[in-house]
């Protein structure tokens, strides 16, 4: 079955971010959190630094409507160079305004509101925010 998910890279705080999202969406991780130390050593690659072994290699969390958030710690010791940007938004379409407000209020905590929740000209209850981890969220609720 086809699916869509969003993959997020963090700078050494993936576990903290995903524990926050788990509380917000009131759901549980799919499987265990895989750690960088679980990766077998690769021929020709330097050994993993001790301080990187407990970092998150992969985590998966269902949020709304079958959508999965996935994430990893993009550590430079493994060749990643994390660049935060404004090129990714996660769009949520909850069923009710009450659920929209709950999610918006939880995700904006410690972050920044970019558009306050409001009725929009296209007919949706819409708002947007950037959470405390720099992830951008949009909310569209069509409840009448």
N, C-alpha and C. Protein backbone atom coordinates (compact mmCIF):
# COMPACT_ATOMS: atom_id res chain seq x y z
N UNK A 1 0.84 -1.18 0.00
CA UNK A 1 0.00 0.00 0.00
C UNK A 1 0.89 1.24 0.00
N UNK A 2 0.58 2.19 -0.84
CA UNK A 2 1.34 3.43 -0.91
C UNK A 2 1.14 4.24 0.35
N UNK A 3 2.14 5.02 0.73
CA UNK A 3 2.06 5.86 1.92
C UNK A 3 2.91 7.10 1.73
N UNK A 4 2.65 8.09 2.53
CA UNK A 4 3.44 9.31 2.55
C UNK A 4 3.89 9.54 3.98
N UNK A 5 5.14 9.95 4.13
CA UNK A 5 5.66 10.26 5.46
C UNK A 5 6.54 11.48 5.35
N UNK A 6 6.91 12.02 6.47
CA UNK A 6 7.81 13.16 6.52
C UNK A 6 9.02 12.75 7.34
N UNK A 7 10.21 12.97 6.78
CA UNK A 7 11.45 12.60 7.47
C UNK A 7 12.14 13.87 7.94
N UNK A 8 12.46 13.90 9.21
CA UNK A 8 13.06 15.08 9.83
C UNK A 8 14.47 14.76 10.32
N UNK A 9 15.40 15.65 10.03
CA UNK A 9 16.77 15.53 10.53
C UNK A 9 16.97 16.56 11.64
N UNK A 10 17.57 16.13 12.72
CA UNK A 10 17.84 17.01 13.86
C UNK A 10 19.32 16.99 14.20
N UNK A 11 19.74 17.99 14.94
CA UNK A 11 21.12 18.13 15.37
C UNK A 11 21.27 17.60 16.79
N UNK A 12 21.30 16.28 16.93
CA UNK A 12 21.57 15.61 18.20
C UNK A 12 20.42 15.67 19.20
N UNK A 13 19.22 16.07 18.79
CA UNK A 13 18.09 16.09 19.72
C UNK A 13 16.83 15.46 19.15
N UNK A 14 17.01 14.46 18.28
CA UNK A 14 15.86 13.76 17.68
C UNK A 14 14.99 13.11 18.75
N UNK A 15 15.61 12.44 19.70
CA UNK A 15 14.82 11.75 20.73
C UNK A 15 13.98 12.74 21.53
N UNK A 16 14.54 13.86 21.89
CA UNK A 16 13.80 14.89 22.62
C UNK A 16 12.62 15.39 21.78
N UNK A 17 12.87 15.66 20.51
CA UNK A 17 11.82 16.15 19.61
C UNK A 17 10.70 15.11 19.46
N UNK A 18 11.07 13.86 19.24
CA UNK A 18 10.05 12.82 19.03
C UNK A 18 9.29 12.47 20.30
N UNK A 19 9.91 12.59 21.45
CA UNK A 19 9.16 12.42 22.71
C UNK A 19 8.14 13.54 22.86
N UNK A 20 8.50 14.75 22.46
CA UNK A 20 7.57 15.88 22.45
C UNK A 20 6.41 15.60 21.50
N UNK A 21 6.70 15.18 20.26
CA UNK A 21 5.64 14.89 19.29
C UNK A 21 4.76 13.73 19.75
N UNK A 22 5.35 12.75 20.41
CA UNK A 22 4.57 11.62 20.93
C UNK A 22 3.52 12.12 21.93
N UNK A 23 3.91 13.06 22.78
CA UNK A 23 2.96 13.64 23.74
C UNK A 23 1.89 14.46 23.03
N UNK A 24 2.29 15.29 22.07
CA UNK A 24 1.35 16.14 21.36
C UNK A 24 0.29 15.30 20.64
N UNK A 25 0.73 14.27 19.90
CA UNK A 25 -0.19 13.48 19.09
C UNK A 25 -0.80 12.30 19.83
N UNK A 26 -0.37 12.10 21.08
CA UNK A 26 -0.92 11.04 21.95
C UNK A 26 -0.91 9.69 21.25
N UNK A 27 0.27 9.33 20.76
CA UNK A 27 0.46 8.07 20.05
C UNK A 27 1.79 7.47 20.48
N UNK A 28 2.14 6.32 19.94
CA UNK A 28 3.37 5.63 20.34
C UNK A 28 4.25 5.35 19.13
N UNK A 29 5.54 5.22 19.37
CA UNK A 29 6.49 4.92 18.31
C UNK A 29 6.15 3.59 17.65
N UNK A 30 6.38 3.51 16.34
CA UNK A 30 6.25 2.25 15.62
C UNK A 30 7.59 1.54 15.74
N UNK A 31 7.65 0.47 16.50
CA UNK A 31 8.90 -0.23 16.73
C UNK A 31 9.76 0.52 17.73
N UNK A 32 11.00 0.11 17.82
CA UNK A 32 11.93 0.73 18.75
C UNK A 32 12.69 1.87 18.09
N UNK A 33 13.29 2.71 18.92
CA UNK A 33 14.20 3.73 18.42
C UNK A 33 15.52 3.03 18.09
N UNK A 34 15.95 3.12 16.84
CA UNK A 34 17.25 2.54 16.44
C UNK A 34 18.34 3.56 16.76
N UNK A 35 19.46 3.06 17.24
CA UNK A 35 20.58 3.92 17.64
C UNK A 35 21.73 3.81 16.65
N UNK A 36 22.51 4.86 16.57
CA UNK A 36 23.68 4.85 15.68
C UNK A 36 24.63 3.71 16.04
N UNK A 37 24.73 3.40 17.32
CA UNK A 37 25.60 2.31 17.76
C UNK A 37 25.13 0.94 17.29
N UNK A 38 23.87 0.84 16.80
CA UNK A 38 23.34 -0.43 16.27
C UNK A 38 23.83 -0.71 14.85
N UNK A 39 24.37 0.31 14.20
CA UNK A 39 24.82 0.17 12.81
C UNK A 39 26.14 -0.60 12.79
N UNK A 40 26.22 -1.67 12.00
CA UNK A 40 27.49 -2.39 11.92
C UNK A 40 28.58 -1.49 11.32
N UNK A 41 29.80 -1.67 11.78
CA UNK A 41 30.91 -0.90 11.23
C UNK A 41 31.02 -1.19 9.74
N UNK A 42 31.29 -0.13 8.97
CA UNK A 42 31.38 -0.23 7.53
C UNK A 42 32.85 -0.22 7.12
N UNK A 43 33.22 -1.14 6.25
CA UNK A 43 34.61 -1.21 5.79
C UNK A 43 35.00 0.13 5.14
N UNK A 44 36.16 0.62 5.50
CA UNK A 44 36.65 1.87 4.95
C UNK A 44 36.16 3.10 5.67
N UNK A 45 35.26 2.92 6.64
CA UNK A 45 34.74 4.05 7.41
C UNK A 45 35.38 4.06 8.79
N UNK A 46 35.65 5.24 9.35
CA UNK A 46 36.20 5.28 10.71
C UNK A 46 35.17 4.77 11.71
N UNK A 47 35.61 4.26 12.84
CA UNK A 47 34.66 3.81 13.85
C UNK A 47 33.83 4.98 14.37
N UNK A 48 32.62 4.68 14.79
CA UNK A 48 31.69 5.68 15.31
C UNK A 48 32.23 6.22 16.63
N UNK A 49 32.21 7.52 16.79
CA UNK A 49 32.65 8.15 18.03
C UNK A 49 31.76 7.68 19.18
N UNK A 50 32.34 7.45 20.33
CA UNK A 50 31.60 6.97 21.51
C UNK A 50 30.41 7.88 21.83
N UNK A 51 30.60 9.20 21.73
CA UNK A 51 29.53 10.14 22.06
C UNK A 51 28.38 10.12 21.06
N UNK A 52 28.56 9.45 19.91
CA UNK A 52 27.51 9.36 18.90
C UNK A 52 26.73 8.04 18.94
N UNK A 53 27.17 7.08 19.70
CA UNK A 53 26.56 5.75 19.68
C UNK A 53 25.11 5.73 20.15
N UNK A 54 24.71 6.64 21.05
CA UNK A 54 23.34 6.64 21.55
C UNK A 54 22.42 7.57 20.75
N UNK A 55 22.96 8.23 19.74
CA UNK A 55 22.13 9.10 18.91
C UNK A 55 21.12 8.26 18.13
N UNK A 56 20.04 8.90 17.70
CA UNK A 56 18.96 8.21 16.99
C UNK A 56 19.34 8.01 15.52
N UNK A 57 19.34 6.75 15.10
CA UNK A 57 19.53 6.42 13.69
C UNK A 57 18.19 6.51 12.97
N UNK A 58 17.11 6.02 13.62
CA UNK A 58 15.78 6.03 13.00
C UNK A 58 14.71 5.91 14.08
N UNK A 59 13.67 6.71 13.92
CA UNK A 59 12.48 6.63 14.76
C UNK A 59 11.27 6.93 13.88
N UNK A 60 10.14 6.29 14.18
CA UNK A 60 8.93 6.46 13.38
C UNK A 60 7.74 6.62 14.32
N UNK A 61 6.91 7.64 14.04
CA UNK A 61 5.76 7.96 14.88
C UNK A 61 4.55 8.28 14.01
N UNK A 62 3.44 7.54 14.19
CA UNK A 62 2.22 7.91 13.46
C UNK A 62 1.63 9.18 14.07
N UNK A 63 1.14 10.09 13.21
CA UNK A 63 0.51 11.29 13.76
C UNK A 63 -0.98 11.33 13.40
N UNK A 64 -1.37 11.84 12.25
CA UNK A 64 -2.78 11.91 11.87
C UNK A 64 -3.02 11.24 10.53
N UNK A 65 -4.18 10.61 10.38
CA UNK A 65 -4.61 10.10 9.08
C UNK A 65 -3.65 9.13 8.43
N UNK A 66 -2.93 8.33 9.23
CA UNK A 66 -1.99 7.37 8.69
C UNK A 66 -0.64 7.96 8.33
N UNK A 67 -0.45 9.24 8.56
CA UNK A 67 0.84 9.89 8.24
C UNK A 67 1.87 9.55 9.31
N UNK A 68 3.09 9.28 8.86
CA UNK A 68 4.19 8.94 9.75
C UNK A 68 5.23 10.05 9.75
N UNK A 69 5.69 10.41 10.94
CA UNK A 69 6.89 11.23 11.07
C UNK A 69 8.04 10.28 11.31
N UNK A 70 9.15 10.50 10.62
CA UNK A 70 10.35 9.71 10.84
C UNK A 70 11.50 10.68 11.08
N UNK A 71 12.52 10.23 11.79
CA UNK A 71 13.60 11.15 12.07
C UNK A 71 14.91 10.47 12.38
N UNK A 72 15.97 11.29 12.35
CA UNK A 72 17.32 10.83 12.64
C UNK A 72 18.14 12.00 13.19
N UNK A 73 19.20 11.66 13.90
CA UNK A 73 20.20 12.65 14.28
C UNK A 73 21.20 12.74 13.14
N UNK A 74 21.28 13.89 12.50
CA UNK A 74 22.18 14.09 11.37
C UNK A 74 23.53 14.54 11.90
N UNK A 75 24.33 13.58 12.35
CA UNK A 75 25.59 13.95 13.00
C UNK A 75 26.72 14.06 11.97
N UNK A 76 27.53 15.09 12.18
CA UNK A 76 28.62 15.37 11.25
C UNK A 76 29.66 14.26 11.23
N UNK A 77 29.81 13.54 12.34
CA UNK A 77 30.81 12.46 12.38
C UNK A 77 30.47 11.33 11.41
N UNK A 78 29.22 11.29 10.92
CA UNK A 78 28.82 10.27 9.95
C UNK A 78 28.65 10.87 8.56
N UNK A 79 29.16 12.10 8.37
CA UNK A 79 29.14 12.70 7.05
C UNK A 79 27.95 13.58 6.74
N UNK A 80 27.06 13.82 7.70
CA UNK A 80 25.90 14.69 7.48
C UNK A 80 26.25 16.12 7.83
N UNK A 81 25.69 17.04 7.08
CA UNK A 81 25.81 18.46 7.40
C UNK A 81 24.39 19.00 7.43
N UNK A 82 23.86 19.19 8.64
CA UNK A 82 22.48 19.65 8.81
C UNK A 82 22.39 21.14 8.51
N UNK A 83 21.43 21.50 7.64
CA UNK A 83 21.15 22.88 7.33
C UNK A 83 19.66 23.09 7.56
N UNK A 84 19.33 23.89 8.58
CA UNK A 84 17.92 24.18 8.83
C UNK A 84 17.45 25.22 7.84
N UNK A 85 16.25 25.02 7.33
CA UNK A 85 15.72 25.95 6.34
C UNK A 85 14.22 26.07 6.45
N UNK A 86 13.65 26.78 5.52
CA UNK A 86 12.21 26.98 5.54
C UNK A 86 11.53 26.21 4.41
N UNK A 87 12.13 25.12 3.99
CA UNK A 87 11.62 24.39 2.83
C UNK A 87 10.69 23.24 3.17
N UNK A 88 10.42 23.00 4.46
CA UNK A 88 9.52 21.90 4.81
C UNK A 88 8.48 22.39 5.82
N UNK A 89 7.23 22.15 5.50
CA UNK A 89 6.12 22.34 6.43
C UNK A 89 5.41 21.00 6.54
N UNK A 90 4.92 20.72 7.68
CA UNK A 90 4.04 19.56 7.83
C UNK A 90 2.62 20.12 7.95
N UNK A 91 1.76 19.71 7.04
CA UNK A 91 0.39 20.20 7.01
C UNK A 91 -0.52 19.20 7.71
N UNK A 92 -1.20 19.66 8.76
CA UNK A 92 -2.14 18.82 9.50
C UNK A 92 -3.56 19.25 9.17
N UNK A 93 -4.44 18.26 8.99
CA UNK A 93 -5.85 18.54 8.71
C UNK A 93 -6.71 17.78 9.70
N UNK A 94 -6.76 18.24 10.96
CA UNK A 94 -7.58 17.56 11.96
C UNK A 94 -9.06 17.63 11.60
N UNK A 95 -9.85 16.75 12.23
CA UNK A 95 -11.28 16.67 11.93
C UNK A 95 -12.10 17.77 12.59
N UNK A 96 -11.61 18.32 13.71
CA UNK A 96 -12.39 19.32 14.44
C UNK A 96 -11.54 20.54 14.79
N UNK A 97 -12.23 21.66 15.02
CA UNK A 97 -11.53 22.87 15.45
C UNK A 97 -10.93 22.67 16.84
N UNK A 98 -11.60 21.92 17.67
CA UNK A 98 -11.09 21.66 19.02
C UNK A 98 -9.75 20.93 18.95
N UNK A 99 -9.64 19.89 18.11
CA UNK A 99 -8.39 19.16 17.95
C UNK A 99 -7.34 20.04 17.27
N UNK A 100 -7.77 20.87 16.32
CA UNK A 100 -6.84 21.79 15.67
C UNK A 100 -6.23 22.73 16.70
N UNK A 101 -7.06 23.29 17.56
CA UNK A 101 -6.58 24.21 18.60
C UNK A 101 -5.64 23.50 19.57
N UNK A 102 -5.97 22.27 19.97
CA UNK A 102 -5.13 21.53 20.91
C UNK A 102 -3.74 21.30 20.32
N UNK A 103 -3.69 20.83 19.07
CA UNK A 103 -2.42 20.57 18.41
C UNK A 103 -1.62 21.86 18.20
N UNK A 104 -2.29 22.90 17.76
CA UNK A 104 -1.64 24.19 17.52
C UNK A 104 -1.02 24.72 18.82
N UNK A 105 -1.82 24.71 19.89
CA UNK A 105 -1.33 25.23 21.17
C UNK A 105 -0.15 24.42 21.70
N UNK A 106 -0.19 23.12 21.52
CA UNK A 106 0.91 22.27 21.99
C UNK A 106 2.18 22.48 21.17
N UNK A 107 2.03 22.56 19.85
CA UNK A 107 3.20 22.68 18.99
C UNK A 107 3.82 24.08 19.02
N UNK A 108 3.04 25.10 19.31
CA UNK A 108 3.59 26.45 19.37
C UNK A 108 4.35 26.71 20.67
N UNK A 109 4.13 25.88 21.68
CA UNK A 109 4.76 26.07 22.99
C UNK A 109 6.28 26.10 22.86
N UNK A 110 6.88 27.21 23.25
CA UNK A 110 8.33 27.35 23.15
C UNK A 110 8.81 27.68 21.75
N UNK A 111 7.88 27.84 20.81
CA UNK A 111 8.23 28.15 19.43
C UNK A 111 7.73 29.51 19.04
N UNK A 112 7.24 29.62 17.80
CA UNK A 112 6.82 30.92 17.26
C UNK A 112 5.57 30.74 16.41
N UNK A 113 4.55 31.55 16.66
CA UNK A 113 3.35 31.56 15.83
C UNK A 113 3.65 32.40 14.60
N UNK A 114 3.41 31.84 13.41
CA UNK A 114 3.60 32.60 12.18
C UNK A 114 2.27 33.12 11.64
N UNK A 115 1.18 32.39 11.85
CA UNK A 115 -0.18 32.84 11.55
C UNK A 115 -1.09 32.29 12.64
N UNK A 116 -1.75 33.18 13.36
CA UNK A 116 -2.66 32.75 14.42
C UNK A 116 -3.83 31.97 13.79
N UNK A 117 -4.36 30.97 14.51
CA UNK A 117 -5.51 30.22 14.00
C UNK A 117 -6.68 31.18 13.76
N UNK A 118 -7.29 31.05 12.57
CA UNK A 118 -8.41 31.92 12.22
C UNK A 118 -9.17 31.35 11.03
N UNK A 119 -10.39 31.82 10.85
CA UNK A 119 -11.19 31.46 9.67
C UNK A 119 -10.57 32.18 8.48
N UNK A 120 -10.37 31.44 7.39
CA UNK A 120 -9.72 32.03 6.22
C UNK A 120 -10.70 32.15 5.05
N UNK A 121 -10.33 32.96 4.06
CA UNK A 121 -11.20 33.23 2.91
C UNK A 121 -11.53 31.98 2.12
N UNK A 122 -10.69 30.95 2.18
CA UNK A 122 -10.97 29.71 1.44
C UNK A 122 -11.87 28.76 2.22
N UNK A 123 -12.27 29.18 3.43
CA UNK A 123 -13.25 28.42 4.19
C UNK A 123 -12.69 27.54 5.28
N UNK A 124 -11.37 27.43 5.42
CA UNK A 124 -10.78 26.59 6.45
C UNK A 124 -10.40 27.42 7.68
N UNK A 125 -10.30 26.74 8.80
CA UNK A 125 -9.75 27.28 10.03
C UNK A 125 -8.26 27.01 9.92
N UNK A 126 -7.44 28.05 9.78
CA UNK A 126 -6.04 27.91 9.40
C UNK A 126 -5.13 28.66 10.37
N UNK A 127 -3.94 28.11 10.56
CA UNK A 127 -2.88 28.77 11.31
C UNK A 127 -1.57 28.07 11.02
N UNK A 128 -0.47 28.69 11.45
CA UNK A 128 0.84 28.06 11.27
C UNK A 128 1.76 28.49 12.40
N UNK A 129 2.74 27.62 12.67
CA UNK A 129 3.72 27.91 13.71
C UNK A 129 5.01 27.16 13.43
N UNK A 130 6.05 27.59 14.10
CA UNK A 130 7.33 26.90 14.08
C UNK A 130 7.54 26.39 15.50
N UNK A 131 7.75 25.09 15.66
CA UNK A 131 7.89 24.55 17.02
C UNK A 131 9.28 24.84 17.58
N UNK A 132 9.50 24.46 18.81
CA UNK A 132 10.76 24.77 19.50
C UNK A 132 11.95 24.04 18.90
N UNK A 133 11.72 23.12 17.97
CA UNK A 133 12.80 22.41 17.29
C UNK A 133 13.04 22.94 15.88
N UNK A 134 12.31 23.99 15.48
CA UNK A 134 12.50 24.60 14.17
C UNK A 134 11.67 23.97 13.07
N UNK A 135 10.75 23.06 13.41
CA UNK A 135 9.89 22.42 12.41
C UNK A 135 8.66 23.30 12.19
N UNK A 136 8.31 23.51 10.91
CA UNK A 136 7.18 24.37 10.55
C UNK A 136 5.92 23.54 10.34
N UNK A 137 4.84 23.99 10.97
CA UNK A 137 3.55 23.29 10.94
C UNK A 137 2.48 24.22 10.38
N UNK A 138 1.61 23.65 9.52
CA UNK A 138 0.43 24.35 9.03
C UNK A 138 -0.79 23.54 9.45
N UNK A 139 -1.87 24.23 9.75
CA UNK A 139 -3.11 23.59 10.20
C UNK A 139 -4.25 24.05 9.31
N UNK A 140 -5.00 23.11 8.75
CA UNK A 140 -6.18 23.39 7.95
C UNK A 140 -7.30 22.51 8.46
N UNK A 141 -8.34 23.14 8.99
CA UNK A 141 -9.50 22.36 9.45
C UNK A 141 -10.72 22.81 8.65
N UNK A 142 -11.42 21.84 8.09
CA UNK A 142 -12.58 22.12 7.25
C UNK A 142 -13.90 21.96 8.00
N UNK A 143 -13.83 21.77 9.30
CA UNK A 143 -15.07 21.63 10.10
C UNK A 143 -15.97 22.83 9.91
N UNK A 144 -17.21 22.58 9.65
CA UNK A 144 -18.18 23.69 9.46
C UNK A 144 -19.02 23.87 10.68
